[in-house]
Amino acid sequence: MIEEVFADVKDRMSRVVESAKESFATVRTGRANPSLLQNVQVDYYGTPTPLSQLASVQNQDARSLLVTPYDKGAMKGIEQAIRDMPNLGANPSNDGTVIRLSLPELTTERRKEFVKIVKGKAEDARVAVRNVRRSGKDDLDALKGEVGEDEIARAEKELEAVTKQFIEQIDEASKRKEAELLEV
């Protein structure tokens, strides 16, 4: 029973870490990266649709992206969704077949703002991991009648160690992203 609780907790914590890494990838660095547009939702015939389902996104060079819509009728919606995207700072240009997105050079102040955003996302992920820990502890407490007190005490210590391990993974990913942001 304790093993089932741990399997569930580890699975949920690893999903939080993966989600945090994906979230970090959406923060713009000095280089153009298709993952910047990963969370863009386009109004496609009245339905919010992920950009990845409507177009392909490629690096044209280090500071520009090329968005090629599968349906030319979705161009205006894609262009508007990119323009409305916060923290991107780029203005898309439409030539009728593709959308070019040139990303301006990041200033030092803007880089520091992005570092703050990454730190906020990292803290949100740490809080989510702690919430999973709390849920796992509640599940262990529910087993008190069926399992011995010593086993539950050992399991709680192991739960703390697992939580620390996942929080360290989040911190490491956050530090890598911050270093990437501050690199000129």
Protein backbone atom coordinates (compact mmCIF):
# COMPACT_ATOMS: atom_id res chain seq x y z
CA MET A 1 0.00 0.00 0.00
CA ILE A 2 2.81 2.40 0.86
CA GLU A 3 4.47 1.51 -2.45
CA GLU A 4 1.29 2.51 -4.30
CA VAL A 5 1.28 5.88 -2.53
CA PHE A 6 4.94 6.42 -3.47
CA ALA A 7 4.39 5.40 -7.08
CA ASP A 8 1.52 7.91 -7.34
CA VAL A 9 3.50 10.68 -5.60
CA LYS A 10 6.60 10.16 -7.76
CA ASP A 11 4.51 10.11 -10.94
CA ARG A 12 2.70 13.32 -10.03
CA MET A 13 5.93 15.08 -8.97
CA SER A 14 7.70 14.08 -12.18
CA ARG A 15 4.79 15.52 -14.17
CA VAL A 16 5.15 18.79 -12.23
CA VAL A 17 8.88 18.90 -13.07
CA GLU A 18 8.21 18.23 -16.76
CA SER A 19 5.53 20.90 -16.80
CA ALA A 20 7.95 23.37 -15.21
CA LYS A 21 10.60 22.60 -17.82
CA GLU A 22 8.08 23.13 -20.61
CA SER A 23 7.00 26.36 -18.96
CA PHE A 24 10.63 27.54 -18.79
CA ALA A 25 11.03 26.80 -22.50
CA THR A 26 8.28 29.30 -23.33
CA VAL A 27 10.29 32.16 -21.78
CA ARG A 28 12.20 33.95 -24.49
CA THR A 29 15.98 33.98 -24.46
CA GLY A 30 18.26 35.80 -26.89
CA ARG A 31 17.74 33.10 -29.53
CA ALA A 32 14.63 32.27 -31.49
CA ASN A 33 13.15 28.91 -30.54
CA PRO A 34 9.91 27.33 -31.84
CA SER A 35 8.96 26.44 -28.24
CA LEU A 36 8.35 30.18 -27.65
CA LEU A 37 5.08 29.74 -29.53
CA GLN A 38 4.17 26.47 -27.82
CA ASN A 39 1.34 27.92 -25.71
CA VAL A 40 -0.17 30.17 -28.39
CA GLN A 41 -3.91 29.61 -28.76
CA VAL A 42 -5.41 30.74 -32.09
CA ASP A 43 -9.10 31.58 -32.53
CA TYR A 44 -9.81 29.17 -35.40
CA TYR A 45 -13.44 29.44 -36.52
CA GLY A 46 -14.51 30.36 -33.00
CA THR A 47 -12.54 27.60 -31.27
CA PRO A 48 -9.28 28.18 -29.37
CA THR A 49 -6.79 25.88 -31.11
CA PRO A 50 -3.08 25.34 -30.35
CA LEU A 51 -0.80 26.89 -32.97
CA SER A 52 0.99 23.55 -33.41
CA GLN A 53 -2.22 22.10 -34.92
CA LEU A 54 -2.59 24.95 -37.41
CA ALA A 55 0.96 25.64 -38.57
CA SER A 56 4.56 24.50 -38.55
CA VAL A 57 7.10 26.70 -36.78
CA GLN A 58 10.78 26.67 -37.79
CA ASN A 59 13.92 28.62 -36.97
CA GLN A 60 14.85 30.74 -39.93
CA ASP A 61 18.01 32.00 -38.21
CA ALA A 62 19.17 32.82 -34.68
CA ARG A 63 16.66 35.67 -34.19
CA SER A 64 13.69 34.85 -36.44
CA LEU A 65 10.97 32.25 -36.73
CA LEU A 66 8.98 31.17 -39.78
CA VAL A 67 5.35 30.13 -39.24
CA THR A 68 3.80 28.23 -42.16
CA PRO A 69 0.02 27.73 -41.76
CA TYR A 70 -1.54 24.54 -43.09
CA ASP A 71 -4.73 26.49 -43.89
CA LYS A 72 -4.21 29.93 -45.44
CA GLY A 73 -7.59 31.00 -44.00
CA ALA A 74 -6.09 30.82 -40.50
CA MET A 75 -3.33 33.37 -41.27
CA LYS A 76 -5.03 36.41 -39.79
CA GLY A 77 -5.97 34.51 -36.62
CA ILE A 78 -2.43 33.16 -36.20
CA GLU A 79 -0.92 36.58 -36.78
CA GLN A 80 -3.29 38.16 -34.22
CA ALA A 81 -2.61 35.44 -31.63
CA ILE A 82 1.15 35.96 -31.97
CA ARG A 83 0.75 39.73 -31.77
CA ASP A 84 -1.37 39.40 -28.58
CA MET A 85 1.17 37.12 -26.92
CA PRO A 86 2.68 38.78 -23.81
CA ASN A 87 6.44 39.00 -23.22
CA LEU A 88 7.38 38.25 -26.84
CA GLY A 89 8.10 41.76 -28.08
CA ALA A 90 7.99 40.79 -31.76
CA ASN A 91 5.70 41.99 -34.52
CA PRO A 92 4.76 39.30 -37.06
CA SER A 93 4.86 40.12 -40.78
CA ASN A 94 2.56 38.29 -43.18
CA ASP A 95 3.48 37.88 -46.86
CA GLY A 96 0.37 35.89 -47.82
CA THR A 97 1.91 32.41 -47.51
CA VAL A 98 4.06 32.51 -44.36
CA ILE A 99 4.41 34.62 -41.23
CA ARG A 100 7.88 35.86 -40.35
CA LEU A 101 8.65 36.74 -36.78
CA SER A 102 11.83 38.73 -36.08
CA LEU A 103 12.74 38.85 -32.42
CA PRO A 104 14.48 42.02 -31.24
CA GLU A 105 17.70 41.89 -29.23
CA LEU A 106 17.05 41.62 -25.50
CA THR A 107 18.13 44.49 -23.29
CA THR A 108 19.69 43.89 -19.87
CA GLU A 109 16.52 45.12 -18.14
CA ARG A 110 14.36 42.81 -20.24
CA ARG A 111 16.62 39.85 -19.45
CA LYS A 112 16.26 40.60 -15.72
CA GLU A 113 12.46 40.74 -16.12
CA PHE A 114 12.54 37.32 -17.79
CA VAL A 115 14.69 35.96 -14.94
CA LYS A 116 12.01 37.13 -12.51
CA ILE A 117 9.36 35.38 -14.60
CA VAL A 118 11.41 32.15 -14.53
CA LYS A 119 11.86 32.43 -10.76
CA GLY A 120 8.09 32.87 -10.37
CA LYS A 121 7.40 29.80 -12.52
CA ALA A 122 9.98 27.82 -10.50
CA GLU A 123 8.32 28.84 -7.23
CA ASP A 124 4.91 27.81 -8.60
CA ALA A 125 6.39 24.40 -9.49
CA ARG A 126 7.94 24.03 -6.02
CA VAL A 127 4.56 24.82 -4.46
CA ALA A 128 2.92 22.21 -6.70
CA VAL A 129 5.50 19.60 -5.59
CA ARG A 130 4.83 20.48 -1.94
CA ASN A 131 1.10 20.10 -2.55
CA VAL A 132 1.73 16.62 -3.96
CA ARG A 133 3.84 15.87 -0.85
CA ARG A 134 0.97 17.03 1.40
CA SER A 135 -1.45 14.84 -0.52
CA GLY A 136 0.93 11.86 -0.19
CA LYS A 137 1.30 12.49 3.54
CA ASP A 138 -2.49 12.54 3.89
CA ASP A 139 -2.63 9.22 2.03
CA LEU A 140 -0.01 7.78 4.39
CA ASP A 141 -1.93 9.06 7.42
CA ALA A 142 -5.02 7.29 6.11
CA LEU A 143 -3.09 3.98 6.26
CA LYS A 144 -2.32 4.29 10.00
CA GLY A 145 -4.81 1.62 11.04
CA GLU A 146 -3.62 -0.89 8.45
CA VAL A 147 0.18 -0.35 8.59
CA GLY A 148 2.51 -0.03 11.56
CA GLU A 149 3.58 3.35 12.94
CA ASP A 150 7.28 2.63 12.24
CA GLU A 151 6.60 1.94 8.58
CA ILE A 152 4.63 5.16 8.23
CA ALA A 153 7.40 7.16 9.96
CA ARG A 154 9.98 5.64 7.55
CA ALA A 155 7.68 6.37 4.62
CA GLU A 156 7.27 10.00 5.71
CA LYS A 157 11.06 10.44 5.88
CA GLU A 158 11.37 8.90 2.42
CA LEU A 159 8.59 11.19 1.20
CA GLU A 160 10.60 14.21 2.40
CA ALA A 161 13.71 12.89 0.57
CA VAL A 162 11.74 12.36 -2.64
CA THR A 163 10.25 15.85 -2.36
CA LYS A 164 13.69 17.36 -1.86
CA GLN A 165 14.98 15.48 -4.91
CA PHE A 166 12.20 16.82 -7.17
CA ILE A 167 12.57 20.37 -5.85
CA GLU A 168 16.31 20.16 -6.62
CA GLN A 169 15.45 19.14 -10.20
CA ILE A 170 13.23 22.22 -10.53
CA ASP A 171 15.95 24.44 -9.05
CA GLU A 172 18.53 23.00 -11.45
CA ALA A 173 16.31 23.58 -14.49
CA SER A 174 15.58 27.10 -13.25
CA LYS A 175 19.29 27.88 -12.83
CA ARG A 176 20.05 26.60 -16.35
CA LYS A 177 17.32 28.80 -17.81
CA GLU A 178 18.50 31.84 -15.83
CA ALA A 179 22.07 31.32 -17.05
CA GLU A 180 20.77 31.01 -20.60
CA LEU A 181 18.79 34.24 -20.19
CA LEU A 182 21.70 36.23 -18.79
CA GLU A 183 24.13 34.97 -21.44
CA VAL A 184 24.77 37.76 -23.95
